[in-house]
Amino acid sequence: NQIEPLLANLLAPLGERGPELTATIIGFVENMQVGV
């Protein structure tokens, strides 16, 4: 769960779009199941 705040800090210069983009990327990551 620590990935999301770290990614949010990296995308902080994007302003209000940063949290939106962070949530989108995290959604992709959570949907990608490496084991299958």
PDB file of all heavy atoms in Angstrom:
ATOM      1  N   ASN A   1       0.811  -1.220   0.000  1.00  0.00           N
ATOM      2  CA  ASN A   1       0.000   0.000   0.000  1.00  0.00           C
ATOM      3  C   ASN A   1       0.845   1.272   0.000  1.00  0.00           C
ATOM      4  O   ASN A   1       0.306   2.370  -0.185  1.00  0.00           O
ATOM      5  CB  ASN A   1      -0.932   0.008   1.216  1.00  0.00           C
ATOM      6  CG  ASN A   1      -1.990  -1.077   1.137  1.00  0.00           C
ATOM      7  OD1 ASN A   1      -2.442  -1.441   0.051  1.00  0.00           O
ATOM      8  ND2 ASN A   1      -2.377  -1.614   2.288  1.00  0.00           N
ATOM      9  N   GLN A   2       2.157   1.127   0.189  1.00  0.00           N
ATOM     10  CA  GLN A   2       3.030   2.294   0.204  1.00  0.00           C
ATOM     11  C   GLN A   2       3.361   2.776  -1.209  1.00  0.00           C
ATOM     12  O   GLN A   2       3.938   3.863  -1.363  1.00  0.00           O
ATOM     13  CB  GLN A   2       4.340   1.959   0.936  1.00  0.00           C
ATOM     14  CG  GLN A   2       4.159   1.629   2.401  1.00  0.00           C
ATOM     15  CD  GLN A   2       3.694   2.828   3.201  1.00  0.00           C
ATOM     16  OE1 GLN A   2       3.974   3.965   2.848  1.00  0.00           O
ATOM     17  NE2 GLN A   2       2.965   2.574   4.280  1.00  0.00           N
ATOM     18  N   ILE A   3       3.036   1.989  -2.235  1.00  0.00           N
ATOM     19  CA  ILE A   3       3.349   2.407  -3.601  1.00  0.00           C
ATOM     20  C   ILE A   3       2.548   3.644  -3.987  1.00  0.00           C
ATOM     21  O   ILE A   3       3.067   4.570  -4.622  1.00  0.00           O
ATOM     22  CB  ILE A   3       3.088   1.249  -4.592  1.00  0.00           C
ATOM     23  CG1 ILE A   3       4.195   0.209  -4.480  1.00  0.00           C
ATOM     24  CG2 ILE A   3       3.010   1.761  -6.018  1.00  0.00           C
ATOM     25  CD1 ILE A   3       4.093  -0.895  -5.486  1.00  0.00           C
ATOM     26  N   GLU A   4       1.281   3.670  -3.608  1.00  0.00           N
ATOM     27  CA  GLU A   4       0.423   4.777  -4.036  1.00  0.00           C
ATOM     28  C   GLU A   4       0.907   6.127  -3.526  1.00  0.00           C
ATOM     29  O   GLU A   4       1.021   7.077  -4.317  1.00  0.00           O
ATOM     30  CB  GLU A   4      -1.022   4.527  -3.600  1.00  0.00           C
ATOM     31  CG  GLU A   4      -1.986   5.578  -4.129  1.00  0.00           C
ATOM     32  CD  GLU A   4      -3.440   5.179  -3.915  1.00  0.00           C
ATOM     33  OE1 GLU A   4      -3.679   4.070  -3.403  1.00  0.00           O
ATOM     34  OE2 GLU A   4      -4.320   5.970  -4.277  1.00  0.00           O
ATOM     35  N   PRO A   5       1.229   6.291  -2.224  1.00  0.00           N
ATOM     36  CA  PRO A   5       1.741   7.600  -1.799  1.00  0.00           C
ATOM     37  C   PRO A   5       3.058   7.977  -2.447  1.00  0.00           C
ATOM     38  O   PRO A   5       3.304   9.149  -2.726  1.00  0.00           O
ATOM     39  CB  PRO A   5       1.880   7.457  -0.277  1.00  0.00           C
ATOM     40  CG  PRO A   5       1.672   6.034   0.045  1.00  0.00           C
ATOM     41  CD  PRO A   5       0.991   5.383  -1.085  1.00  0.00           C
ATOM     42  N   LEU A   6       3.938   6.977  -2.701  1.00  0.00           N
ATOM     43  CA  LEU A   6       5.201   7.278  -3.361  1.00  0.00           C
ATOM     44  C   LEU A   6       4.967   7.768  -4.782  1.00  0.00           C
ATOM     45  O   LEU A   6       5.569   8.751  -5.233  1.00  0.00           O
ATOM     46  CB  LEU A   6       6.094   6.032  -3.370  1.00  0.00           C
ATOM     47  CG  LEU A   6       7.471   6.200  -4.031  1.00  0.00           C
ATOM     48  CD1 LEU A   6       8.293   7.240  -3.293  1.00  0.00           C
ATOM     49  CD2 LEU A   6       8.215   4.871  -4.078  1.00  0.00           C
ATOM     50  N   LEU A   7       4.072   7.098  -5.509  1.00  0.00           N
ATOM     51  CA  LEU A   7       3.752   7.521  -6.870  1.00  0.00           C
ATOM     52  C   LEU A   7       3.074   8.891  -6.862  1.00  0.00           C
ATOM     53  O   LEU A   7       3.317   9.717  -7.749  1.00  0.00           O
ATOM     54  CB  LEU A   7       2.843   6.478  -7.529  1.00  0.00           C
ATOM     55  CG  LEU A   7       2.502   6.701  -9.007  1.00  0.00           C
ATOM     56  CD1 LEU A   7       3.759   6.699  -9.859  1.00  0.00           C
ATOM     57  CD2 LEU A   7       1.534   5.621  -9.490  1.00  0.00           C
ATOM     58  N   ALA A   8       2.242   9.138  -5.858  1.00  0.00           N
ATOM     59  CA  ALA A   8       1.576  10.444  -5.758  1.00  0.00           C
ATOM     60  C   ALA A   8       2.599  11.559  -5.569  1.00  0.00           C
ATOM     61  O   ALA A   8       2.447  12.658  -6.128  1.00  0.00           O
ATOM     62  CB  ALA A   8       0.577  10.430  -4.611  1.00  0.00           C
ATOM     63  N   ASN A   9       3.643  11.287  -4.798  1.00  0.00           N
ATOM     64  CA  ASN A   9       4.689  12.303  -4.612  1.00  0.00           C
ATOM     65  C   ASN A   9       5.444  12.570  -5.911  1.00  0.00           C
ATOM     66  O   ASN A   9       5.800  13.713  -6.207  1.00  0.00           O
ATOM     67  CB  ASN A   9       5.663  11.849  -3.523  1.00  0.00           C
ATOM     68  CG  ASN A   9       5.050  11.880  -2.143  1.00  0.00           C
ATOM     69  OD1 ASN A   9       4.143  12.669  -1.880  1.00  0.00           O
ATOM     70  ND2 ASN A   9       5.528  11.025  -1.251  1.00  0.00           N
ATOM     71  N   LEU A  10       5.700  11.517  -6.681  1.00  0.00           N
ATOM     72  CA  LEU A  10       6.401  11.694  -7.952  1.00  0.00           C
ATOM     73  C   LEU A  10       5.567  12.490  -8.944  1.00  0.00           C
ATOM     74  O   LEU A  10       6.103  13.236  -9.770  1.00  0.00           O
ATOM     75  CB  LEU A  10       6.767  10.329  -8.548  1.00  0.00           C
ATOM     76  CG  LEU A  10       7.807   9.505  -7.775  1.00  0.00           C
ATOM     77  CD1 LEU A  10       7.988   8.143  -8.420  1.00  0.00           C
ATOM     78  CD2 LEU A  10       9.136  10.245  -7.715  1.00  0.00           C
ATOM     79  N   LEU A  11       4.248  12.328  -8.879  1.00  0.00           N
ATOM     80  CA  LEU A  11       3.356  13.025  -9.811  1.00  0.00           C
ATOM     81  C   LEU A  11       2.758  14.293  -9.205  1.00  0.00           C
ATOM     82  O   LEU A  11       1.846  14.885  -9.794  1.00  0.00           O
ATOM     83  CB  LEU A  11       2.219  12.083 -10.243  1.00  0.00           C
ATOM     84  CG  LEU A  11       2.645  10.805 -10.959  1.00  0.00           C
ATOM     85  CD1 LEU A  11       1.430   9.960 -11.328  1.00  0.00           C
ATOM     86  CD2 LEU A  11       3.462  11.128 -12.211  1.00  0.00           C
ATOM     87  N   ALA A  12       3.277  14.719  -8.063  1.00  0.00           N
ATOM     88  CA  ALA A  12       2.758  15.925  -7.416  1.00  0.00           C
ATOM     89  C   ALA A  12       2.840  17.164  -8.300  1.00  0.00           C
ATOM     90  O   ALA A  12       1.944  18.014  -8.258  1.00  0.00           O
ATOM     91  CB  ALA A  12       3.495  16.159  -6.097  1.00  0.00           C
ATOM     92  N   PRO A  13       3.906  17.327  -9.132  1.00  0.00           N
ATOM     93  CA  PRO A  13       3.950  18.513 -10.002  1.00  0.00           C
ATOM     94  C   PRO A  13       2.817  18.584 -11.008  1.00  0.00           C
ATOM     95  O   PRO A  13       2.645  19.631 -11.651  1.00  0.00           O
ATOM     96  CB  PRO A  13       5.316  18.372 -10.701  1.00  0.00           C
ATOM     97  CG  PRO A  13       6.138  17.574  -9.761  1.00  0.00           C
ATOM     98  CD  PRO A  13       5.184  16.601  -9.150  1.00  0.00           C
ATOM     99  N   LEU A  14       2.044  17.512 -11.186  1.00  0.00           N
ATOM    100  CA  LEU A  14       0.922  17.556 -12.116  1.00  0.00           C
ATOM    101  C   LEU A  14      -0.296  18.240 -11.509  1.00  0.00           C
ATOM    102  O   LEU A  14      -1.337  18.337 -12.165  1.00  0.00           O
ATOM    103  CB  LEU A  14       0.552  16.138 -12.560  1.00  0.00           C
ATOM    104  CG  LEU A  14       1.648  15.333 -13.269  1.00  0.00           C
ATOM    105  CD1 LEU A  14       1.115  13.999 -13.744  1.00  0.00           C
ATOM    106  CD2 LEU A  14       2.227  16.114 -14.434  1.00  0.00           C
ATOM    107  N   GLY A  15      -0.175  18.692 -10.274  1.00  0.00           N
ATOM    108  CA  GLY A  15      -1.260  19.435  -9.648  1.00  0.00           C
ATOM    109  C   GLY A  15      -2.469  18.571  -9.359  1.00  0.00           C
ATOM    110  O   GLY A  15      -2.358  17.451  -8.862  1.00  0.00           O
ATOM    111  N   GLU A  16      -3.650  19.097  -9.716  1.00  0.00           N
ATOM    112  CA  GLU A  16      -4.894  18.380  -9.436  1.00  0.00           C
ATOM    113  C   GLU A  16      -5.023  17.099 -10.247  1.00  0.00           C
ATOM    114  O   GLU A  16      -5.775  16.194  -9.874  1.00  0.00           O
ATOM    115  CB  GLU A  16      -6.080  19.294  -9.728  1.00  0.00           C
ATOM    116  CG  GLU A  16      -6.144  20.531  -8.830  1.00  0.00           C
ATOM    117  CD  GLU A  16      -7.322  21.419  -9.176  1.00  0.00           C
ATOM    118  OE1 GLU A  16      -8.018  21.104 -10.167  1.00  0.00           O
ATOM    119  OE2 GLU A  16      -7.553  22.417  -8.468  1.00  0.00           O
ATOM    120  N   ARG A  17      -4.295  17.030 -11.339  1.00  0.00           N
ATOM    121  CA  ARG A  17      -4.364  15.822 -12.172  1.00  0.00           C
ATOM    122  C   ARG A  17      -3.520  14.691 -11.595  1.00  0.00           C
ATOM    123  O   ARG A  17      -3.667  13.540 -12.000  1.00  0.00           O
ATOM    124  CB  ARG A  17      -3.908  16.136 -13.590  1.00  0.00           C
ATOM    125  CG  ARG A  17      -4.751  17.200 -14.277  1.00  0.00           C
ATOM    126  CD  ARG A  17      -4.257  17.426 -15.702  1.00  0.00           C
ATOM    127  NE  ARG A  17      -5.032  18.473 -16.347  1.00  0.00           N
ATOM    128  CZ  ARG A  17      -6.177  18.275 -16.987  1.00  0.00           C
ATOM    129  NH1 ARG A  17      -6.679  17.053 -17.030  1.00  0.00           N
ATOM    130  NH2 ARG A  17      -6.809  19.278 -17.558  1.00  0.00           N
ATOM    131  N   GLY A  18      -2.612  15.014 -10.674  1.00  0.00           N
ATOM    132  CA  GLY A  18      -1.743  13.994 -10.097  1.00  0.00           C
ATOM    133  C   GLY A  18      -2.495  12.884  -9.404  1.00  0.00           C
ATOM    134  O   GLY A  18      -2.283  11.697  -9.706  1.00  0.00           O
ATOM    135  N   PRO A  19      -3.390  13.184  -8.443  1.00  0.00           N
ATOM    136  CA  PRO A  19      -4.138  12.108  -7.779  1.00  0.00           C
ATOM    137  C   PRO A  19      -4.985  11.284  -8.744  1.00  0.00           C
ATOM    138  O   PRO A  19      -5.104  10.060  -8.584  1.00  0.00           O
ATOM    139  CB  PRO A  19      -5.022  12.875  -6.783  1.00  0.00           C
ATOM    140  CG  PRO A  19      -4.296  14.152  -6.527  1.00  0.00           C
ATOM    141  CD  PRO A  19      -3.635  14.501  -7.821  1.00  0.00           C
ATOM    142  N   GLU A  20      -5.555  11.949  -9.758  1.00  0.00           N
ATOM    143  CA  GLU A  20      -6.363  11.211 -10.740  1.00  0.00           C
ATOM    144  C   GLU A  20      -5.518  10.221 -11.518  1.00  0.00           C
ATOM    145  O   GLU A  20      -5.893   9.048 -11.698  1.00  0.00           O
ATOM    146  CB  GLU A  20      -7.014  12.208 -11.697  1.00  0.00           C
ATOM    147  CG  GLU A  20      -7.828  11.554 -12.814  1.00  0.00           C
ATOM    148  CD  GLU A  20      -8.346  12.573 -13.815  1.00  0.00           C
ATOM    149  OE1 GLU A  20      -8.248  13.794 -13.534  1.00  0.00           O
ATOM    150  OE2 GLU A  20      -8.849  12.154 -14.864  1.00  0.00           O
ATOM    151  N   LEU A  21      -4.360  10.686 -11.956  1.00  0.00           N
ATOM    152  CA  LEU A  21      -3.479   9.801 -12.722  1.00  0.00           C
ATOM    153  C   LEU A  21      -2.907   8.706 -11.826  1.00  0.00           C
ATOM    154  O   LEU A  21      -2.749   7.560 -12.256  1.00  0.00           O
ATOM    155  CB  LEU A  21      -2.354  10.626 -13.344  1.00  0.00           C
ATOM    156  CG  LEU A  21      -1.478   9.925 -14.378  1.00  0.00           C
ATOM    157  CD1 LEU A  21      -2.323   9.403 -15.532  1.00  0.00           C
ATOM    158  CD2 LEU A  21      -0.408  10.871 -14.899  1.00  0.00           C
ATOM    159  N   THR A  22      -2.601   9.045 -10.575  1.00  0.00           N
ATOM    160  CA  THR A  22      -2.100   8.033  -9.640  1.00  0.00           C
ATOM    161  C   THR A  22      -3.116   6.924  -9.435  1.00  0.00           C
ATOM    162  O   THR A  22      -2.772   5.730  -9.462  1.00  0.00           O
ATOM    163  CB  THR A  22      -1.762   8.695  -8.290  1.00  0.00           C
ATOM    164  OG1 THR A  22      -0.766   9.698  -8.487  1.00  0.00           O
ATOM    165  CG2 THR A  22      -1.257   7.664  -7.305  1.00  0.00           C
ATOM    166  N   ALA A  23      -4.374   7.303  -9.245  1.00  0.00           N
ATOM    167  CA  ALA A  23      -5.428   6.302  -9.054  1.00  0.00           C
ATOM    168  C   ALA A  23      -5.590   5.428 -10.292  1.00  0.00           C
ATOM    169  O   ALA A  23      -5.803   4.210 -10.193  1.00  0.00           O
ATOM    170  CB  ALA A  23      -6.749   6.998  -8.718  1.00  0.00           C
ATOM    171  N   THR A  24      -5.458   6.019 -11.486  1.00  0.00           N
ATOM    172  CA  THR A  24      -5.590   5.253 -12.726  1.00  0.00           C
ATOM    173  C   THR A  24      -4.473   4.224 -12.848  1.00  0.00           C
ATOM    174  O   THR A  24      -4.706   3.052 -13.174  1.00  0.00           O
ATOM    175  CB  THR A  24      -5.574   6.190 -13.936  1.00  0.00           C
ATOM    176  OG1 THR A  24      -6.633   7.142 -13.808  1.00  0.00           O
ATOM    177  CG2 THR A  24      -5.734   5.412 -15.230  1.00  0.00           C
ATOM    178  N   ILE A  25      -3.227   4.657 -12.583  1.00  0.00           N
ATOM    179  CA  ILE A  25      -2.084   3.750 -12.702  1.00  0.00           C
ATOM    180  C   ILE A  25      -2.178   2.638 -11.665  1.00  0.00           C
ATOM    181  O   ILE A  25      -1.927   1.457 -11.971  1.00  0.00           O
ATOM    182  CB  ILE A  25      -0.765   4.535 -12.560  1.00  0.00           C
ATOM    183  CG1 ILE A  25      -0.602   5.515 -13.728  1.00  0.00           C
ATOM    184  CG2 ILE A  25       0.418   3.584 -12.496  1.00  0.00           C
ATOM    185  CD1 ILE A  25       0.613   6.407 -13.596  1.00  0.00           C
ATOM    186  N   ILE A  26      -2.522   2.980 -10.434  1.00  0.00           N
ATOM    187  CA  ILE A  26      -2.656   1.967  -9.388  1.00  0.00           C
ATOM    188  C   ILE A  26      -3.756   0.975  -9.750  1.00  0.00           C
ATOM    189  O   ILE A  26      -3.649  -0.231  -9.480  1.00  0.00           O
ATOM    190  CB  ILE A  26      -2.932   2.631  -8.029  1.00  0.00           C
ATOM    191  CG1 ILE A  26      -1.700   3.418  -7.570  1.00  0.00           C
ATOM    192  CG2 ILE A  26      -3.308   1.597  -6.991  1.00  0.00           C
ATOM    193  CD1 ILE A  26      -0.469   2.573  -7.361  1.00  0.00           C
ATOM    194  N   GLY A  27      -4.825   1.477 -10.388  1.00  0.00           N
ATOM    195  CA  GLY A  27      -5.892   0.574 -10.839  1.00  0.00           C
ATOM    196  C   GLY A  27      -5.385  -0.435 -11.850  1.00  0.00           C
ATOM    197  O   GLY A  27      -5.722  -1.625 -11.787  1.00  0.00           O
ATOM    198  N   PHE A  28      -4.556   0.031 -12.792  1.00  0.00           N
ATOM    199  CA  PHE A  28      -3.956  -0.882 -13.762  1.00  0.00           C
ATOM    200  C   PHE A  28      -3.084  -1.915 -13.066  1.00  0.00           C
ATOM    201  O   PHE A  28      -3.099  -3.109 -13.406  1.00  0.00           O
ATOM    202  CB  PHE A  28      -3.120  -0.110 -14.784  1.00  0.00           C
ATOM    203  CG  PHE A  28      -3.946   0.633 -15.798  1.00  0.00           C
ATOM    204  CD1 PHE A  28      -3.545   1.875 -16.259  1.00  0.00           C
ATOM    205  CD2 PHE A  28      -5.119   0.096 -16.297  1.00  0.00           C
ATOM    206  CE1 PHE A  28      -4.300   2.562 -17.192  1.00  0.00           C
ATOM    207  CE2 PHE A  28      -5.880   0.767 -17.227  1.00  0.00           C
ATOM    208  CZ  PHE A  28      -5.468   2.009 -17.675  1.00  0.00           C
ATOM    209  N   VAL A  29      -2.299  -1.450 -12.095  1.00  0.00           N
ATOM    210  CA  VAL A  29      -1.372  -2.348 -11.403  1.00  0.00           C
ATOM    211  C   VAL A  29      -2.134  -3.410 -10.619  1.00  0.00           C
ATOM    212  O   VAL A  29      -1.780  -4.595 -10.643  1.00  0.00           O
ATOM    213  CB  VAL A  29      -0.454  -1.531 -10.470  1.00  0.00           C
ATOM    214  CG1 VAL A  29       0.386  -2.462  -9.595  1.00  0.00           C
ATOM    215  CG2 VAL A  29       0.457  -0.624 -11.288  1.00  0.00           C
ATOM    216  N   GLU A  30      -3.192  -2.998  -9.929  1.00  0.00           N
ATOM    217  CA  GLU A  30      -3.952  -3.952  -9.134  1.00  0.00           C
ATOM    218  C   GLU A  30      -4.687  -4.963 -10.002  1.00  0.00           C
ATOM    219  O   GLU A  30      -4.892  -6.112  -9.598  1.00  0.00           O
ATOM    220  CB  GLU A  30      -4.946  -3.192  -8.248  1.00  0.00           C
ATOM    221  CG  GLU A  30      -4.270  -2.404  -7.132  1.00  0.00           C
ATOM    222  CD  GLU A  30      -5.269  -1.635  -6.300  1.00  0.00           C
ATOM    223  OE1 GLU A  30      -6.422  -1.466  -6.773  1.00  0.00           O
ATOM    224  OE2 GLU A  30      -4.914  -1.201  -5.190  1.00  0.00           O
ATOM    225  N   ASN A  31      -5.077  -4.551 -11.205  1.00  0.00           N
ATOM    226  CA  ASN A  31      -5.777  -5.468 -12.106  1.00  0.00           C
ATOM    227  C   ASN A  31      -4.826  -6.439 -12.794  1.00  0.00           C
ATOM    228  O   ASN A  31      -5.268  -7.441 -13.346  1.00  0.00           O
ATOM    229  CB  ASN A  31      -6.560  -4.686 -13.161  1.00  0.00           C
ATOM    230  CG  ASN A  31      -7.731  -3.929 -12.563  1.00  0.00           C
ATOM    231  OD1 ASN A  31      -8.289  -4.357 -11.556  1.00  0.00           O
ATOM    232  ND2 ASN A  31      -8.087  -2.812 -13.170  1.00  0.00           N
ATOM    233  N   MET A  32      -3.524  -6.104 -12.804  1.00  0.00           N
ATOM    234  CA  MET A  32      -2.535  -6.981 -13.439  1.00  0.00           C
ATOM    235  C   MET A  32      -2.074  -8.006 -12.417  1.00  0.00           C
ATOM    236  O   MET A  32      -1.362  -7.677 -11.466  1.00  0.00           O
ATOM    237  CB  MET A  32      -1.343  -6.175 -13.962  1.00  0.00           C
ATOM    238  CG  MET A  32      -0.265  -7.049 -14.615  1.00  0.00           C
ATOM    239  SD  MET A  32       1.118  -6.075 -15.260  1.00  0.00           S
ATOM    240  CE  MET A  32       0.340  -5.280 -16.641  1.00  0.00           C
ATOM    241  N   GLN A  33      -2.477  -9.227 -12.579  1.00  0.00           N
ATOM    242  CA  GLN A  33      -2.103 -10.305 -11.664  1.00  0.00           C
ATOM    243  C   GLN A  33      -0.941 -11.085 -12.259  1.00  0.00           C
ATOM    244  O   GLN A  33      -1.100 -11.832 -13.228  1.00  0.00           O
ATOM    245  CB  GLN A  33      -3.299 -11.241 -11.424  1.00  0.00           C
ATOM    246  CG  GLN A  33      -4.505 -10.532 -10.816  1.00  0.00           C
ATOM    247  CD  GLN A  33      -5.655 -11.469 -10.567  1.00  0.00           C
ATOM    248  OE1 GLN A  33      -5.483 -12.685 -10.563  1.00  0.00           O
ATOM    249  NE2 GLN A  33      -6.840 -10.916 -10.365  1.00  0.00           N
ATOM    250  N   VAL A  34       0.246 -10.838 -11.683  1.00  0.00           N
ATOM    251  CA  VAL A  34       1.453 -11.471 -12.215  1.00  0.00           C
ATOM    252  C   VAL A  34       1.369 -12.987 -12.147  1.00  0.00           C
ATOM    253  O   VAL A  34       1.863 -13.703 -13.012  1.00  0.00           O
ATOM    254  CB  VAL A  34       2.691 -10.957 -11.441  1.00  0.00           C
ATOM    255  CG1 VAL A  34       3.963 -11.626 -11.943  1.00  0.00           C
ATOM    256  CG2 VAL A  34       2.794  -9.439 -11.565  1.00  0.00           C
ATOM    257  N   GLY A  35       0.705 -13.516 -11.130  1.00  0.00           N
ATOM    258  CA  GLY A  35       0.669 -14.964 -10.942  1.00  0.00           C
ATOM    259  C   GLY A  35      -0.107 -15.705 -12.001  1.00  0.00           C
ATOM    260  O   GLY A  35       0.081 -16.918 -12.162  1.00  0.00           O
ATOM    261  N   VAL A  36      -1.017 -15.032 -12.729  1.00  0.00           N
ATOM    262  CA  VAL A  36      -1.829 -15.729 -13.726  1.00  0.00           C
ATOM    263  C   VAL A  36      -1.412 -15.376 -15.150  1.00  0.00           C
ATOM    264  O   VAL A  36      -2.114 -15.699 -16.097  1.00  0.00           O
ATOM    265  CB  VAL A  36      -3.321 -15.382 -13.520  1.00  0.00           C
ATOM    266  CG1 VAL A  36      -3.782 -15.835 -12.144  1.00  0.00           C
ATOM    267  CG2 VAL A  36      -3.573 -13.890 -13.704  1.00  0.00           C
TER     268      VAL A  36
END
